[in-house]
Amino acid sequence: MFAVFAAEQQYHHDTRTRENERRILASIRERSAVAPLRLDAVSAPRTTDATVRTARAAWPRPIGLHVHEDSATACAAA
């Protein structure tokens, strides 16, 4: 009797999982079908500028500690 109950539970679990995956795939298909129609969905390519990046410290510093440009010993003092 326990084997029958376990088999039924496994069947129901597999059915629910399959239905959930089917709904997710249908949603993905719907979104991909609508995406080319939306012009605002296409964003401008991201540009990176090397001058925007801050200079990296020569040693690791604790999280939350910022390097001050005017003091070379900011990390040692903190």
N, C-alpha and C. Protein backbone atom coordinates (compact mmCIF):
# COMPACT_ATOMS: atom_id res chain seq x y z
N MET A 1 0.82 -1.20 0.00
CA MET A 1 0.00 0.00 0.00
C MET A 1 0.87 1.27 0.00
N PHE A 2 1.96 1.22 0.75
CA PHE A 2 2.85 2.37 0.81
C PHE A 2 3.49 2.63 -0.55
N ALA A 3 3.84 1.59 -1.26
CA ALA A 3 4.46 1.74 -2.58
C ALA A 3 3.51 2.41 -3.56
N VAL A 4 2.22 2.08 -3.48
CA VAL A 4 1.23 2.70 -4.35
C VAL A 4 1.11 4.18 -4.03
N PHE A 5 1.04 4.51 -2.74
CA PHE A 5 0.93 5.90 -2.31
C PHE A 5 2.16 6.69 -2.76
N ALA A 6 3.35 6.12 -2.59
CA ALA A 6 4.59 6.79 -3.00
C ALA A 6 4.61 7.00 -4.52
N ALA A 7 4.15 6.02 -5.26
CA ALA A 7 4.13 6.15 -6.72
C ALA A 7 3.15 7.24 -7.15
N GLU A 8 2.00 7.33 -6.49
CA GLU A 8 1.03 8.37 -6.81
C GLU A 8 1.60 9.75 -6.50
N GLN A 9 2.26 9.88 -5.37
CA GLN A 9 2.85 11.16 -5.00
C GLN A 9 3.94 11.56 -5.99
N GLN A 10 4.74 10.61 -6.40
CA GLN A 10 5.79 10.90 -7.37
C GLN A 10 5.18 11.33 -8.70
N TYR A 11 4.11 10.67 -9.10
CA TYR A 11 3.42 11.02 -10.33
C TYR A 11 2.90 12.46 -10.27
N HIS A 12 2.24 12.79 -9.15
CA HIS A 12 1.70 14.15 -9.01
C HIS A 12 2.82 15.19 -8.97
N HIS A 13 3.89 14.86 -8.31
CA HIS A 13 5.02 15.78 -8.25
C HIS A 13 5.61 16.01 -9.65
N ASP A 14 5.80 14.94 -10.40
CA ASP A 14 6.33 15.05 -11.75
C ASP A 14 5.38 15.83 -12.66
N THR A 15 4.10 15.62 -12.50
CA THR A 15 3.11 16.34 -13.30
C THR A 15 3.16 17.83 -13.01
N ARG A 16 3.21 18.19 -11.72
CA ARG A 16 3.29 19.61 -11.35
C ARG A 16 4.58 20.23 -11.87
N THR A 17 5.67 19.52 -11.76
CA THR A 17 6.96 20.04 -12.24
C THR A 17 6.93 20.24 -13.74
N ARG A 18 6.39 19.28 -14.46
CA ARG A 18 6.30 19.36 -15.92
C ARG A 18 5.42 20.54 -16.34
N GLU A 19 4.29 20.72 -15.66
CA GLU A 19 3.40 21.84 -15.98
C GLU A 19 4.07 23.17 -15.70
N ASN A 20 4.80 23.26 -14.60
CA ASN A 20 5.50 24.49 -14.27
C ASN A 20 6.56 24.81 -15.33
N GLU A 21 7.33 23.81 -15.73
CA GLU A 21 8.34 24.02 -16.77
C GLU A 21 7.70 24.40 -18.09
N ARG A 22 6.55 23.81 -18.40
CA ARG A 22 5.84 24.15 -19.63
C ARG A 22 5.38 25.60 -19.61
N ARG A 23 4.88 26.06 -18.45
CA ARG A 23 4.45 27.46 -18.32
C ARG A 23 5.64 28.41 -18.47
N ILE A 24 6.77 28.05 -17.89
CA ILE A 24 7.96 28.89 -17.99
C ILE A 24 8.42 28.98 -19.44
N LEU A 25 8.48 27.86 -20.13
CA LEU A 25 8.89 27.87 -21.53
C LEU A 25 7.92 28.67 -22.40
N ALA A 26 6.62 28.56 -22.12
CA ALA A 26 5.63 29.33 -22.87
C ALA A 26 5.83 30.82 -22.63
N SER A 27 6.14 31.19 -21.40
CA SER A 27 6.38 32.59 -21.08
C SER A 27 7.63 33.10 -21.80
N ILE A 28 8.67 32.28 -21.85
CA ILE A 28 9.89 32.67 -22.56
C ILE A 28 9.59 32.85 -24.05
N ARG A 29 8.81 31.94 -24.62
CA ARG A 29 8.46 32.05 -26.04
C ARG A 29 7.66 33.32 -26.31
N GLU A 30 6.71 33.64 -25.41
CA GLU A 30 5.90 34.85 -25.59
C GLU A 30 6.76 36.09 -25.51
N ARG A 31 7.67 36.13 -24.54
CA ARG A 31 8.53 37.30 -24.41
C ARG A 31 9.46 37.46 -25.60
N SER A 32 9.99 36.35 -26.09
CA SER A 32 10.90 36.46 -27.23
C SER A 32 10.13 36.83 -28.50
N ALA A 33 8.87 36.47 -28.58
CA ALA A 33 8.07 36.85 -29.75
C ALA A 33 7.72 38.33 -29.71
N VAL A 34 7.55 38.89 -28.52
CA VAL A 34 7.17 40.29 -28.37
C VAL A 34 8.40 41.20 -28.38
N ALA A 35 9.55 40.70 -27.98
CA ALA A 35 10.76 41.52 -27.84
C ALA A 35 11.15 42.25 -29.12
N PRO A 36 11.14 41.63 -30.30
CA PRO A 36 11.51 42.39 -31.50
C PRO A 36 10.52 43.50 -31.83
N LEU A 37 9.30 43.40 -31.36
CA LEU A 37 8.30 44.42 -31.64
C LEU A 37 8.50 45.67 -30.79
N ARG A 38 9.11 45.53 -29.64
CA ARG A 38 9.32 46.67 -28.75
C ARG A 38 10.63 47.35 -29.12
N LEU A 39 10.55 48.58 -29.53
CA LEU A 39 11.76 49.31 -29.90
C LEU A 39 12.48 49.85 -28.68
N ASP A 40 11.74 50.12 -27.61
CA ASP A 40 12.37 50.66 -26.41
C ASP A 40 13.16 49.59 -25.65
N ALA A 41 12.96 48.32 -26.00
CA ALA A 41 13.68 47.26 -25.31
C ALA A 41 15.14 47.21 -25.72
N VAL A 42 15.43 47.77 -26.89
CA VAL A 42 16.81 47.77 -27.37
C VAL A 42 17.50 48.99 -26.78
N SER A 43 18.49 48.75 -25.98
CA SER A 43 19.19 49.86 -25.35
C SER A 43 20.47 50.16 -26.11
N ALA A 44 21.00 51.32 -25.85
CA ALA A 44 22.25 51.71 -26.48
C ALA A 44 23.38 50.86 -25.90
N PRO A 45 24.37 50.56 -26.71
CA PRO A 45 25.48 49.75 -26.18
C PRO A 45 26.22 50.51 -25.08
N ARG A 46 26.65 49.77 -24.10
CA ARG A 46 27.36 50.38 -22.97
C ARG A 46 28.79 50.68 -23.40
N THR A 47 29.23 51.86 -23.07
CA THR A 47 30.61 52.22 -23.38
C THR A 47 31.38 52.34 -22.08
N THR A 48 32.60 51.89 -22.10
CA THR A 48 33.44 52.00 -20.92
C THR A 48 34.59 52.93 -21.24
N ASP A 49 34.88 53.80 -20.32
CA ASP A 49 35.95 54.74 -20.50
C ASP A 49 37.03 54.42 -19.48
N ALA A 50 38.24 54.19 -19.95
CA ALA A 50 39.33 53.78 -19.06
C ALA A 50 39.71 54.90 -18.11
N THR A 51 39.44 56.15 -18.45
CA THR A 51 39.83 57.26 -17.58
C THR A 51 38.88 57.41 -16.40
N VAL A 52 37.70 56.82 -16.48
CA VAL A 52 36.72 56.93 -15.40
C VAL A 52 37.12 56.06 -14.21
N ARG A 53 37.82 54.99 -14.46
CA ARG A 53 38.19 54.07 -13.38
C ARG A 53 39.16 54.73 -12.42
N THR A 54 38.99 54.41 -11.15
CA THR A 54 39.90 54.94 -10.14
C THR A 54 41.16 54.10 -10.09
N ALA A 55 42.22 54.69 -9.61
CA ALA A 55 43.48 53.97 -9.51
C ALA A 55 43.36 52.90 -8.44
N ARG A 56 43.92 51.75 -8.70
CA ARG A 56 43.84 50.66 -7.75
C ARG A 56 44.93 50.80 -6.69
N ALA A 57 44.61 50.40 -5.49
CA ALA A 57 45.58 50.46 -4.40
C ALA A 57 46.60 49.34 -4.56
N ALA A 58 47.76 49.56 -4.00
CA ALA A 58 48.82 48.56 -4.10
C ALA A 58 48.60 47.43 -3.11
N TRP A 59 47.73 47.62 -2.12
CA TRP A 59 47.46 46.60 -1.12
C TRP A 59 45.94 46.47 -0.94
N PRO A 60 45.46 45.32 -0.53
CA PRO A 60 44.02 45.18 -0.30
C PRO A 60 43.62 45.98 0.93
N ARG A 61 42.44 46.56 0.88
CA ARG A 61 41.95 47.32 2.03
C ARG A 61 40.63 46.73 2.48
N PRO A 62 40.29 46.92 3.73
CA PRO A 62 39.04 46.36 4.25
C PRO A 62 37.83 46.93 3.53
N ILE A 63 36.75 46.17 3.52
CA ILE A 63 35.53 46.61 2.86
C ILE A 63 35.01 47.86 3.55
N GLY A 64 34.64 48.85 2.79
CA GLY A 64 34.09 50.08 3.32
C GLY A 64 35.13 51.16 3.51
N LEU A 65 36.40 50.86 3.42
CA LEU A 65 37.45 51.86 3.58
C LEU A 65 37.79 52.43 2.21
N HIS A 66 37.77 53.73 2.10
CA HIS A 66 38.03 54.40 0.83
C HIS A 66 39.40 55.04 0.85
N VAL A 67 40.05 55.08 -0.28
CA VAL A 67 41.36 55.71 -0.41
C VAL A 67 41.17 57.21 -0.59
N HIS A 68 41.85 57.98 0.20
CA HIS A 68 41.81 59.43 0.07
C HIS A 68 43.00 59.86 -0.76
N GLU A 69 42.76 60.72 -1.72
CA GLU A 69 43.82 61.14 -2.64
C GLU A 69 44.90 61.96 -1.93
N ASP A 70 44.51 62.72 -0.89
CA ASP A 70 45.48 63.62 -0.24
C ASP A 70 46.36 62.91 0.79
N SER A 71 45.98 61.73 1.20
CA SER A 71 46.74 61.05 2.22
C SER A 71 47.19 59.67 1.73
N ALA A 72 48.49 59.45 1.74
CA ALA A 72 49.03 58.16 1.31
C ALA A 72 48.95 57.13 2.42
N THR A 73 48.75 57.57 3.66
CA THR A 73 48.72 56.65 4.80
C THR A 73 47.31 56.46 5.32
N ALA A 74 46.30 56.69 4.50
CA ALA A 74 44.92 56.58 4.95
C ALA A 74 44.61 55.16 5.40
N CYS A 75 45.14 54.16 4.70
CA CYS A 75 44.86 52.79 5.05
C CYS A 75 45.58 52.40 6.34
N ALA A 76 46.77 52.88 6.52
CA ALA A 76 47.53 52.55 7.72
C ALA A 76 46.93 53.21 8.95
N ALA A 77 46.34 54.39 8.78
CA ALA A 77 45.76 55.10 9.92
C ALA A 77 44.42 54.49 10.32
N ALA A 78 43.73 53.90 9.39
CA ALA A 78 42.43 53.34 9.69
C ALA A 78 42.63 52.03 10.32
